[in-house]
């Protein structure tokens, strides 16, 4: 009888569910914000701008609300490369199809890249919350007030919320605000699901993160990862990853002297995978030169960069 009463009360609750885009210029902390909202890592991070290249959905379900966070690549100045065009296209498509937008900016910084994002939001009719990130680095908090007043003149924001995505400051308040803007709707995913991306995709992203973090400015953006094998054998997950680069010189940088750099990348990626997949992982990595992949529409589609 008690169980039936509990179920009845659950059904009486007004459920809310909606898509929440996280947008902003490159390297402003969007992926870090998503990971902290979900309380686990699904989107890779590094200090190198434009680390995020894909639309990544993170699912947070709490009580009667399900937030479907969409992490997006940083919106940047258009260039001739197909990869950049596809990433910008992804951002614009996401903005059109969500219920709430989180526009992330950094402390007192406001530049042309932020203006570009603001312009992309010009015709958005959904609530836009301006998230001022990295406020833990602001020593004199009184300086925030005139800055917030200046930002509020740029657009009618639904809310302006100072946070620290890395430190977790004010994120609970932000979560509550986001839930209040979600439309009434049934949940679209099971309560315990955290992302719509496959484990295979997460494995490729973890490898790319380690390449980006270890090599920093030594490599341009023309690096991607393809998973050739993803197979559970007994208690061990066997993963074969292929790191694609544009030129032979890039391959030499990733492999390193006697393969040392590639081993370091593999070890760091494997450790994260074992945490994410909760099992032992055998990871094998190779590096291959595939010239022009970042400017090849068909290659980008086969590598999962296009939502079309």
C-alpha atoms as a PDB file:
ATOM      1  CA  UNK A   1       0.000   0.000   0.000  1.00  0.00           C
ATOM      2  CA  UNK A   2       2.841   2.406   0.924  1.00  0.00           C
ATOM      3  CA  UNK A   3       4.641   1.618  -2.372  1.00  0.00           C
ATOM      4  CA  UNK A   4       1.477   2.422  -4.347  1.00  0.00           C
ATOM      5  CA  UNK A   5       1.145   5.761  -2.538  1.00  0.00           C
ATOM      6  CA  UNK A   6       4.754   6.633  -3.364  1.00  0.00           C
ATOM      7  CA  UNK A   7       4.219   5.798  -7.043  1.00  0.00           C
ATOM      8  CA  UNK A   8       1.032   7.868  -7.090  1.00  0.00           C
ATOM      9  CA  UNK A   9       2.861  10.868  -5.628  1.00  0.00           C
ATOM     10  CA  UNK A  10       5.581  10.485  -8.288  1.00  0.00           C
ATOM     11  CA  UNK A  11       2.997  10.557 -11.039  1.00  0.00           C
ATOM     12  CA  UNK A  12       1.423  13.695  -9.530  1.00  0.00           C
ATOM     13  CA  UNK A  13       4.741  15.603  -9.717  1.00  0.00           C
ATOM     14  CA  UNK A  14       4.987  18.060 -12.589  1.00  0.00           C
ATOM     15  CA  UNK A  15       7.943  16.826 -14.615  1.00  0.00           C
ATOM     16  CA  UNK A  16      10.144  19.176 -16.609  1.00  0.00           C
ATOM     17  CA  UNK A  17      12.531  18.244 -19.389  1.00  0.00           C
ATOM     18  CA  UNK A  18      14.363  20.311 -21.973  1.00  0.00           C
ATOM     19  CA  UNK A  19      17.523  20.916 -23.977  1.00  0.00           C
ATOM     20  CA  UNK A  20      20.061  23.408 -22.628  1.00  0.00           C
ATOM     21  CA  UNK A  21      22.780  24.674 -24.985  1.00  0.00           C
ATOM     22  CA  UNK A  22      26.147  25.669 -23.536  1.00  0.00           C
ATOM     23  CA  UNK A  23      27.689  28.201 -25.933  1.00  0.00           C
ATOM     24  CA  UNK A  24      30.584  30.621 -25.863  1.00  0.00           C
ATOM     25  CA  UNK A  25      33.901  31.442 -27.452  1.00  0.00           C
ATOM     26  CA  UNK A  26      36.699  28.842 -27.379  1.00  0.00           C
ATOM     27  CA  UNK A  27      38.400  28.020 -24.076  1.00  0.00           C
ATOM     28  CA  UNK A  28      35.922  29.800 -21.839  1.00  0.00           C
ATOM     29  CA  UNK A  29      35.113  26.735 -19.693  1.00  0.00           C
ATOM     30  CA  UNK A  30      32.020  25.240 -21.349  1.00  0.00           C
ATOM     31  CA  UNK A  31      33.131  21.603 -21.104  1.00  0.00           C
ATOM     32  CA  UNK A  32      34.332  22.045 -17.522  1.00  0.00           C
ATOM     33  CA  UNK A  33      30.916  23.487 -16.644  1.00  0.00           C
ATOM     34  CA  UNK A  34      29.146  20.523 -18.246  1.00  0.00           C
ATOM     35  CA  UNK A  35      31.308  17.959 -16.429  1.00  0.00           C
ATOM     36  CA  UNK A  36      30.690  19.611 -13.070  1.00  0.00           C
ATOM     37  CA  UNK A  37      26.938  19.834 -13.700  1.00  0.00           C
ATOM     38  CA  UNK A  38      26.883  16.097 -14.421  1.00  0.00           C
ATOM     39  CA  UNK A  39      29.290  15.313 -11.566  1.00  0.00           C
ATOM     40  CA  UNK A  40      31.308  13.174 -13.942  1.00  0.00           C
ATOM     41  CA  UNK A  41      33.444  13.650 -17.008  1.00  0.00           C
ATOM     42  CA  UNK A  42      31.939  13.193 -20.460  1.00  0.00           C
ATOM     43  CA  UNK A  43      33.438  16.169 -22.305  1.00  0.00           C
ATOM     44  CA  UNK A  44      37.192  16.504 -22.708  1.00  0.00           C
ATOM     45  CA  UNK A  45      39.059  19.587 -21.564  1.00  0.00           C
ATOM     46  CA  UNK A  46      42.440  21.204 -22.055  1.00  0.00           C
ATOM     47  CA  UNK A  47      43.953  24.675 -22.016  1.00  0.00           C
ATOM     48  CA  UNK A  48      44.111  24.625 -25.805  1.00  0.00           C
ATOM     49  CA  UNK A  49      41.188  26.510 -27.375  1.00  0.00           C
ATOM     50  CA  UNK A  50      38.674  24.584 -29.522  1.00  0.00           C
ATOM     51  CA  UNK A  51      39.287  21.275 -27.768  1.00  0.00           C
ATOM     52  CA  UNK A  52      35.577  20.448 -28.065  1.00  0.00           C
ATOM     53  CA  UNK A  53      34.635  19.680 -31.670  1.00  0.00           C
ATOM     54  CA  UNK A  54      31.389  17.731 -31.376  1.00  0.00           C
ATOM     55  CA  UNK A  55      27.891  18.251 -30.093  1.00  0.00           C
ATOM     56  CA  UNK A  56      27.907  16.312 -26.822  1.00  0.00           C
ATOM     57  CA  UNK A  57      24.747  15.655 -24.831  1.00  0.00           C
ATOM     58  CA  UNK A  58      24.987  15.383 -21.060  1.00  0.00           C
ATOM     59  CA  UNK A  59      21.900  14.219 -19.148  1.00  0.00           C
ATOM     60  CA  UNK A  60      21.223  15.353 -15.597  1.00  0.00           C
ATOM     61  CA  UNK A  61      18.105  13.994 -13.870  1.00  0.00           C
ATOM     62  CA  UNK A  62      17.167  15.207 -10.414  1.00  0.00           C
ATOM     63  CA  UNK A  63      13.772  14.815  -8.751  1.00  0.00           C
ATOM     64  CA  UNK A  64      11.176  15.987 -11.276  1.00  0.00           C
ATOM     65  CA  UNK A  65      13.560  17.671 -13.769  1.00  0.00           C
ATOM     66  CA  UNK A  66      15.738  16.317 -16.558  1.00  0.00           C
ATOM     67  CA  UNK A  67      18.253  18.754 -18.075  1.00  0.00           C
ATOM     68  CA  UNK A  68      19.680  17.750 -21.445  1.00  0.00           C
ATOM     69  CA  UNK A  69      22.876  19.807 -21.660  1.00  0.00           C
ATOM     70  CA  UNK A  70      24.359  20.255 -25.130  1.00  0.00           C
ATOM     71  CA  UNK A  71      28.060  21.108 -25.042  1.00  0.00           C
ATOM     72  CA  UNK A  72      29.150  22.795 -28.273  1.00  0.00           C
ATOM     73  CA  UNK A  73      32.427  23.709 -29.970  1.00  0.00           C
ATOM     74  CA  UNK A  74      33.591  27.251 -29.380  1.00  0.00           C
ATOM     75  CA  UNK A  75      32.202  29.624 -31.984  1.00  0.00           C
ATOM     76  CA  UNK A  76      35.083  31.272 -33.817  1.00  0.00           C
ATOM     77  CA  UNK A  77      35.892  33.337 -36.893  1.00  0.00           C
ATOM     78  CA  UNK A  78      35.014  31.428 -40.081  1.00  0.00           C
ATOM     79  CA  UNK A  79      37.976  30.077 -42.058  1.00  0.00           C
ATOM     80  CA  UNK A  80      38.263  28.110 -45.264  1.00  0.00           C
ATOM     81  CA  UNK A  81      38.654  24.711 -43.582  1.00  0.00           C
ATOM     82  CA  UNK A  82      35.728  22.312 -43.644  1.00  0.00           C
ATOM     83  CA  UNK A  83      36.329  21.337 -39.982  1.00  0.00           C
ATOM     84  CA  UNK A  84      35.850  24.941 -38.824  1.00  0.00           C
ATOM     85  CA  UNK A  85      32.755  25.349 -40.971  1.00  0.00           C
ATOM     86  CA  UNK A  86      31.247  22.155 -39.577  1.00  0.00           C
ATOM     87  CA  UNK A  87      31.951  23.196 -35.968  1.00  0.00           C
ATOM     88  CA  UNK A  88      30.334  26.613 -36.469  1.00  0.00           C
ATOM     89  CA  UNK A  89      27.403  24.977 -38.227  1.00  0.00           C
ATOM     90  CA  UNK A  90      26.952  22.670 -35.232  1.00  0.00           C
ATOM     91  CA  UNK A  91      26.722  25.651 -32.850  1.00  0.00           C
ATOM     92  CA  UNK A  92      24.141  27.472 -34.987  1.00  0.00           C
ATOM     93  CA  UNK A  93      22.022  24.324 -35.378  1.00  0.00           C
ATOM     94  CA  UNK A  94      22.068  23.656 -31.632  1.00  0.00           C
ATOM     95  CA  UNK A  95      20.950  27.216 -30.808  1.00  0.00           C
ATOM     96  CA  UNK A  96      17.887  26.752 -33.028  1.00  0.00           C
ATOM     97  CA  UNK A  97      16.737  23.558 -31.322  1.00  0.00           C
ATOM     98  CA  UNK A  98      17.009  24.113 -27.553  1.00  0.00           C
ATOM     99  CA  UNK A  99      14.772  25.395 -24.757  1.00  0.00           C
ATOM    100  CA  UNK A 100      17.408  27.330 -22.779  1.00  0.00           C
ATOM    101  CA  UNK A 101      20.823  28.785 -23.655  1.00  0.00           C
ATOM    102  CA  UNK A 102      23.768  29.200 -21.287  1.00  0.00           C
ATOM    103  CA  UNK A 103      26.072  31.837 -22.762  1.00  0.00           C
ATOM    104  CA  UNK A 104      29.419  31.414 -20.982  1.00  0.00           C
ATOM    105  CA  UNK A 105      31.876  34.304 -20.756  1.00  0.00           C
ATOM    106  CA  UNK A 106      35.061  34.757 -18.737  1.00  0.00           C
ATOM    107  CA  UNK A 107      35.396  37.194 -15.827  1.00  0.00           C
ATOM    108  CA  UNK A 108      36.140  40.688 -17.180  1.00  0.00           C
ATOM    109  CA  UNK A 109      36.997  39.543 -20.692  1.00  0.00           C
ATOM    110  CA  UNK A 110      34.735  40.592 -23.553  1.00  0.00           C
ATOM    111  CA  UNK A 111      36.139  40.515 -27.080  1.00  0.00           C
ATOM    112  CA  UNK A 112      35.220  40.016 -30.736  1.00  0.00           C
ATOM    113  CA  UNK A 113      34.700  36.297 -30.206  1.00  0.00           C
ATOM    114  CA  UNK A 114      32.128  36.996 -27.469  1.00  0.00           C
ATOM    115  CA  UNK A 115      30.416  39.497 -29.788  1.00  0.00           C
ATOM    116  CA  UNK A 116      30.248  36.764 -32.438  1.00  0.00           C
ATOM    117  CA  UNK A 117      28.384  34.481 -30.038  1.00  0.00           C
ATOM    118  CA  UNK A 118      26.059  37.319 -29.039  1.00  0.00           C
ATOM    119  CA  UNK A 119      25.284  37.910 -32.732  1.00  0.00           C
ATOM    120  CA  UNK A 120      24.514  34.189 -33.182  1.00  0.00           C
ATOM    121  CA  UNK A 121      21.959  34.503 -30.365  1.00  0.00           C
ATOM    122  CA  UNK A 122      20.346  37.579 -31.907  1.00  0.00           C
ATOM    123  CA  UNK A 123      17.204  35.821 -33.107  1.00  0.00           C
ATOM    124  CA  UNK A 124      16.950  33.258 -30.303  1.00  0.00           C
ATOM    125  CA  UNK A 125      13.594  33.528 -28.540  1.00  0.00           C
ATOM    126  CA  UNK A 126      14.364  31.145 -25.676  1.00  0.00           C
ATOM    127  CA  UNK A 127      15.715  32.276 -22.271  1.00  0.00           C
ATOM    128  CA  UNK A 128      19.435  33.097 -22.455  1.00  0.00           C
ATOM    129  CA  UNK A 129      21.330  32.927 -19.153  1.00  0.00           C
ATOM    130  CA  UNK A 130      24.657  34.758 -19.135  1.00  0.00           C
ATOM    131  CA  UNK A 131      27.191  32.733 -17.127  1.00  0.00           C
ATOM    132  CA  UNK A 132      30.242  34.680 -15.942  1.00  0.00           C
ATOM    133  CA  UNK A 133      32.836  31.961 -15.370  1.00  0.00           C
ATOM    134  CA  UNK A 134      36.125  31.837 -13.448  1.00  0.00           C
ATOM    135  CA  UNK A 135      35.051  34.318 -10.773  1.00  0.00           C
ATOM    136  CA  UNK A 136      37.276  32.445  -8.305  1.00  0.00           C
ATOM    137  CA  UNK A 137      40.123  34.344  -9.977  1.00  0.00           C
ATOM    138  CA  UNK A 138      38.528  37.719  -9.179  1.00  0.00           C
ATOM    139  CA  UNK A 139      40.128  39.087  -5.998  1.00  0.00           C
ATOM    140  CA  UNK A 140      37.887  42.119  -5.568  1.00  0.00           C
ATOM    141  CA  UNK A 141      34.299  40.919  -6.045  1.00  0.00           C
ATOM    142  CA  UNK A 142      33.036  44.517  -5.944  1.00  0.00           C
ATOM    143  CA  UNK A 143      34.487  44.929  -9.432  1.00  0.00           C
ATOM    144  CA  UNK A 144      31.879  42.483 -10.721  1.00  0.00           C
ATOM    145  CA  UNK A 145      28.921  44.828 -10.222  1.00  0.00           C
ATOM    146  CA  UNK A 146      29.856  47.464 -12.846  1.00  0.00           C
ATOM    147  CA  UNK A 147      30.933  44.666 -15.208  1.00  0.00           C
ATOM    148  CA  UNK A 148      27.569  42.918 -14.797  1.00  0.00           C
ATOM    149  CA  UNK A 149      25.792  46.220 -15.450  1.00  0.00           C
ATOM    150  CA  UNK A 150      27.804  46.662 -18.646  1.00  0.00           C
ATOM    151  CA  UNK A 151      27.022  43.136 -19.841  1.00  0.00           C
ATOM    152  CA  UNK A 152      23.318  43.496 -19.065  1.00  0.00           C
ATOM    153  CA  UNK A 153      23.139  46.387 -21.539  1.00  0.00           C
ATOM    154  CA  UNK A 154      24.169  44.119 -24.410  1.00  0.00           C
ATOM    155  CA  UNK A 155      21.009  42.015 -24.361  1.00  0.00           C
ATOM    156  CA  UNK A 156      17.957  41.230 -22.254  1.00  0.00           C
ATOM    157  CA  UNK A 157      19.379  38.191 -20.465  1.00  0.00           C
ATOM    158  CA  UNK A 158      16.961  36.024 -18.474  1.00  0.00           C
ATOM    159  CA  UNK A 159      19.586  35.770 -15.701  1.00  0.00           C
ATOM    160  CA  UNK A 160      23.203  36.790 -15.123  1.00  0.00           C
ATOM    161  CA  UNK A 161      24.989  34.255 -12.939  1.00  0.00           C
ATOM    162  CA  UNK A 162      28.619  34.453 -11.733  1.00  0.00           C
ATOM    163  CA  UNK A 163      30.134  30.980 -11.241  1.00  0.00           C
ATOM    164  CA  UNK A 164      33.346  29.020 -11.026  1.00  0.00           C
ATOM    165  CA  UNK A 165      32.916  25.887 -13.123  1.00  0.00           C
ATOM    166  CA  UNK A 166      36.236  24.467 -11.950  1.00  0.00           C
ATOM    167  CA  UNK A 167      35.706  25.291  -8.279  1.00  0.00           C
ATOM    168  CA  UNK A 168      31.981  24.498  -8.246  1.00  0.00           C
ATOM    169  CA  UNK A 169      31.021  27.935  -6.910  1.00  0.00           C
ATOM    170  CA  UNK A 170      27.333  28.858  -7.315  1.00  0.00           C
ATOM    171  CA  UNK A 171      26.568  25.849  -9.523  1.00  0.00           C
ATOM    172  CA  UNK A 172      23.702  24.641  -7.310  1.00  0.00           C
ATOM    173  CA  UNK A 173      21.962  27.991  -7.708  1.00  0.00           C
ATOM    174  CA  UNK A 174      22.554  27.844 -11.450  1.00  0.00           C
ATOM    175  CA  UNK A 175      21.076  24.348 -11.670  1.00  0.00           C
ATOM    176  CA  UNK A 176      17.954  25.516  -9.848  1.00  0.00           C
ATOM    177  CA  UNK A 177      17.535  28.457 -12.233  1.00  0.00           C
ATOM    178  CA  UNK A 178      17.958  26.239 -15.278  1.00  0.00           C
ATOM    179  CA  UNK A 179      15.319  23.785 -14.046  1.00  0.00           C
ATOM    180  CA  UNK A 180      12.867  26.651 -13.519  1.00  0.00           C
ATOM    181  CA  UNK A 181      13.114  27.547 -17.226  1.00  0.00           C
ATOM    182  CA  UNK A 182      12.573  24.009 -18.536  1.00  0.00           C
ATOM    183  CA  UNK A 183       9.216  23.294 -20.209  1.00  0.00           C
ATOM    184  CA  UNK A 184       6.774  20.828 -18.721  1.00  0.00           C
ATOM    185  CA  UNK A 185       7.474  17.502 -20.378  1.00  0.00           C
ATOM    186  CA  UNK A 186       8.012  13.813 -19.751  1.00  0.00           C
ATOM    187  CA  UNK A 187      11.622  12.642 -19.405  1.00  0.00           C
ATOM    188  CA  UNK A 188      13.257  11.659 -22.694  1.00  0.00           C
ATOM    189  CA  UNK A 189      15.938   9.408 -21.181  1.00  0.00           C
ATOM    190  CA  UNK A 190      16.163   6.915 -18.284  1.00  0.00           C
ATOM    191  CA  UNK A 191      16.985   8.474 -14.907  1.00  0.00           C
ATOM    192  CA  UNK A 192      20.453   6.884 -14.756  1.00  0.00           C
ATOM    193  CA  UNK A 193      21.635   7.753 -18.300  1.00  0.00           C
ATOM    194  CA  UNK A 194      24.348  10.420 -18.423  1.00  0.00           C
ATOM    195  CA  UNK A 195      25.012  10.900 -22.155  1.00  0.00           C
ATOM    196  CA  UNK A 196      23.734   9.909 -25.577  1.00  0.00           C
ATOM    197  CA  UNK A 197      27.275   9.298 -26.799  1.00  0.00           C
ATOM    198  CA  UNK A 198      28.656   5.769 -27.033  1.00  0.00           C
ATOM    199  CA  UNK A 199      31.562   4.401 -24.987  1.00  0.00           C
ATOM    200  CA  UNK A 200      33.443   4.082 -28.268  1.00  0.00           C
ATOM    201  CA  UNK A 201      33.081   7.839 -28.842  1.00  0.00           C
ATOM    202  CA  UNK A 202      34.156   8.633 -25.263  1.00  0.00           C
ATOM    203  CA  UNK A 203      37.259   6.463 -25.737  1.00  0.00           C
ATOM    204  CA  UNK A 204      38.269   8.389 -28.866  1.00  0.00           C
ATOM    205  CA  UNK A 205      37.763  11.709 -27.084  1.00  0.00           C
ATOM    206  CA  UNK A 206      39.855  10.641 -24.070  1.00  0.00           C
ATOM    207  CA  UNK A 207      42.736   9.745 -26.387  1.00  0.00           C
ATOM    208  CA  UNK A 208      42.437  13.083 -28.210  1.00  0.00           C
ATOM    209  CA  UNK A 209      42.386  14.908 -24.864  1.00  0.00           C
ATOM    210  CA  UNK A 210      45.699  13.331 -23.838  1.00  0.00           C
ATOM    211  CA  UNK A 211      47.271  14.208 -27.198  1.00  0.00           C
ATOM    212  CA  UNK A 212      46.094  17.813 -26.819  1.00  0.00           C
ATOM    213  CA  UNK A 213      47.177  18.145 -23.195  1.00  0.00           C
ATOM    214  CA  UNK A 214      50.621  16.615 -23.645  1.00  0.00           C
ATOM    215  CA  UNK A 215      51.544  18.351 -26.869  1.00  0.00           C
ATOM    216  CA  UNK A 216      49.881  21.742 -26.381  1.00  0.00           C
ATOM    217  CA  UNK A 217      51.166  24.193 -28.978  1.00  0.00           C
ATOM    218  CA  UNK A 218      53.501  21.632 -30.592  1.00  0.00           C
ATOM    219  CA  UNK A 219      50.629  20.430 -32.768  1.00  0.00           C
ATOM    220  CA  UNK A 220      47.947  22.304 -34.719  1.00  0.00           C
ATOM    221  CA  UNK A 221      44.313  21.226 -34.681  1.00  0.00           C
ATOM    222  CA  UNK A 222      44.726  18.693 -37.483  1.00  0.00           C
ATOM    223  CA  UNK A 223      44.636  15.707 -35.124  1.00  0.00           C
ATOM    224  CA  UNK A 224      41.719  13.353 -34.618  1.00  0.00           C
ATOM    225  CA  UNK A 225      41.167   9.827 -33.305  1.00  0.00           C
ATOM    226  CA  UNK A 226      39.335   6.870 -34.798  1.00  0.00           C
ATOM    227  CA  UNK A 227      38.523   3.750 -32.766  1.00  0.00           C
ATOM    228  CA  UNK A 228      39.131   0.662 -34.905  1.00  0.00           C
ATOM    229  CA  UNK A 229      38.332  -1.958 -32.275  1.00  0.00           C
ATOM    230  CA  UNK A 230      36.231  -1.782 -29.110  1.00  0.00           C
ATOM    231  CA  UNK A 231      35.620  -5.245 -27.709  1.00  0.00           C
ATOM    232  CA  UNK A 232      34.932  -6.694 -24.256  1.00  0.00           C
ATOM    233  CA  UNK A 233      36.753  -9.998 -23.738  1.00  0.00           C
ATOM    234  CA  UNK A 234      36.054 -11.416 -20.304  1.00  0.00           C
ATOM    235  CA  UNK A 235      36.697  -8.722 -17.714  1.00  0.00           C
ATOM    236  CA  UNK A 236      38.945  -6.697 -20.038  1.00  0.00           C
ATOM    237  CA  UNK A 237      38.002  -4.078 -22.611  1.00  0.00           C
ATOM    238  CA  UNK A 238      40.277  -4.171 -25.677  1.00  0.00           C
ATOM    239  CA  UNK A 239      40.527  -0.853 -27.524  1.00  0.00           C
ATOM    240  CA  UNK A 240      42.529  -0.079 -30.670  1.00  0.00           C
ATOM    241  CA  UNK A 241      42.844   3.636 -31.388  1.00  0.00           C
ATOM    242  CA  UNK A 242      44.168   5.272 -34.543  1.00  0.00           C
ATOM    243  CA  UNK A 243      45.489   8.826 -34.183  1.00  0.00           C
ATOM    244  CA  UNK A 244      45.187  10.640 -37.518  1.00  0.00           C
ATOM    245  CA  UNK A 245      47.471  13.565 -38.349  1.00  0.00           C
ATOM    246  CA  UNK A 246      47.891  15.743 -41.423  1.00  0.00           C
ATOM    247  CA  UNK A 247      51.673  15.529 -41.952  1.00  0.00           C
ATOM    248  CA  UNK A 248      54.628  13.191 -41.309  1.00  0.00           C
ATOM    249  CA  UNK A 249      56.273  15.706 -38.993  1.00  0.00           C
ATOM    250  CA  UNK A 250      53.207  15.622 -36.747  1.00  0.00           C
ATOM    251  CA  UNK A 251      53.432  11.848 -36.547  1.00  0.00           C
ATOM    252  CA  UNK A 252      57.053  12.075 -35.366  1.00  0.00           C
ATOM    253  CA  UNK A 253      56.042  14.555 -32.642  1.00  0.00           C
ATOM    254  CA  UNK A 254      53.266  12.301 -31.300  1.00  0.00           C
ATOM    255  CA  UNK A 255      55.320   9.109 -31.401  1.00  0.00           C
ATOM    256  CA  UNK A 256      58.352  10.767 -29.789  1.00  0.00           C
ATOM    257  CA  UNK A 257      61.826   9.338 -29.294  1.00  0.00           C
ATOM    258  CA  UNK A 258      61.584   5.534 -29.318  1.00  0.00           C
ATOM    259  CA  UNK A 259      57.818   5.822 -28.945  1.00  0.00           C
ATOM    260  CA  UNK A 260      58.012   7.397 -25.482  1.00  0.00           C
ATOM    261  CA  UNK A 261      55.490  10.181 -26.128  1.00  0.00           C
ATOM    262  CA  UNK A 262      52.903   7.777 -27.570  1.00  0.00           C
ATOM    263  CA  UNK A 263      53.342   5.498 -24.543  1.00  0.00           C
ATOM    264  CA  UNK A 264      52.700   8.422 -22.181  1.00  0.00           C
ATOM    265  CA  UNK A 265      49.562   9.369 -24.107  1.00  0.00           C
ATOM    266  CA  UNK A 266      48.359   5.756 -24.024  1.00  0.00           C
ATOM    267  CA  UNK A 267      48.994   5.339 -20.302  1.00  0.00           C
ATOM    268  CA  UNK A 268      47.128   8.537 -19.382  1.00  0.00           C
ATOM    269  CA  UNK A 269      44.185   7.669 -21.666  1.00  0.00           C
ATOM    270  CA  UNK A 270      43.970   4.105 -20.376  1.00  0.00           C
ATOM    271  CA  UNK A 271      43.869   5.263 -16.742  1.00  0.00           C
ATOM    272  CA  UNK A 272      40.938   7.579 -17.482  1.00  0.00           C
ATOM    273  CA  UNK A 273      39.162   4.878 -19.488  1.00  0.00           C
ATOM    274  CA  UNK A 274      39.378   2.409 -16.618  1.00  0.00           C
ATOM    275  CA  UNK A 275      37.678   4.976 -14.384  1.00  0.00           C
ATOM    276  CA  UNK A 276      35.028   5.831 -16.982  1.00  0.00           C
ATOM    277  CA  UNK A 277      34.267   2.244 -18.025  1.00  0.00           C
ATOM    278  CA  UNK A 278      34.868   0.672 -14.591  1.00  0.00           C
ATOM    279  CA  UNK A 279      36.921  -2.235 -15.922  1.00  0.00           C
ATOM    280  CA  UNK A 280      40.442  -3.176 -16.964  1.00  0.00           C
ATOM    281  CA  UNK A 281      41.423  -1.714 -20.349  1.00  0.00           C
ATOM    282  CA  UNK A 282      44.027  -2.903 -22.848  1.00  0.00           C
ATOM    283  CA  UNK A 283      44.729   0.079 -25.103  1.00  0.00           C
ATOM    284  CA  UNK A 284      46.744  -0.076 -28.323  1.00  0.00           C
ATOM    285  CA  UNK A 285      47.549   3.128 -30.211  1.00  0.00           C
ATOM    286  CA  UNK A 286      48.884   3.805 -33.695  1.00  0.00           C
ATOM    287  CA  UNK A 287      49.561   7.054 -35.555  1.00  0.00           C
ATOM    288  CA  UNK A 288      48.721   7.447 -39.247  1.00  0.00           C
ATOM    289  CA  UNK A 289      49.181  10.312 -41.706  1.00  0.00           C
ATOM    290  CA  UNK A 290      45.937  11.213 -43.520  1.00  0.00           C
ATOM    291  CA  UNK A 291      46.637  14.433 -45.371  1.00  0.00           C
ATOM    292  CA  UNK A 292      43.803  16.920 -45.720  1.00  0.00           C
ATOM    293  CA  UNK A 293      41.291  15.103 -43.499  1.00  0.00           C
ATOM    294  CA  UNK A 294      40.262  18.361 -41.762  1.00  0.00           C
ATOM    295  CA  UNK A 295      39.208  19.885 -45.099  1.00  0.00           C
ATOM    296  CA  UNK A 296      37.482  16.814 -46.523  1.00  0.00           C
ATOM    297  CA  UNK A 297      33.686  16.851 -46.045  1.00  0.00           C
ATOM    298  CA  UNK A 298      33.353  13.084 -46.585  1.00  0.00           C
ATOM    299  CA  UNK A 299      36.189  12.306 -44.171  1.00  0.00           C
ATOM    300  CA  UNK A 300      34.638  14.562 -41.528  1.00  0.00           C
ATOM    301  CA  UNK A 301      31.289  12.837 -41.899  1.00  0.00           C
ATOM    302  CA  UNK A 302      32.846   9.371 -41.571  1.00  0.00           C
ATOM    303  CA  UNK A 303      34.736  10.543 -38.472  1.00  0.00           C
ATOM    304  CA  UNK A 304      31.498  11.733 -36.853  1.00  0.00           C
ATOM    305  CA  UNK A 305      32.022  15.484 -37.112  1.00  0.00           C
ATOM    306  CA  UNK A 306      28.836  16.255 -39.010  1.00  0.00           C
ATOM    307  CA  UNK A 307      25.347  16.079 -37.481  1.00  0.00           C
ATOM    308  CA  UNK A 308      23.814  15.992 -40.920  1.00  0.00           C
END
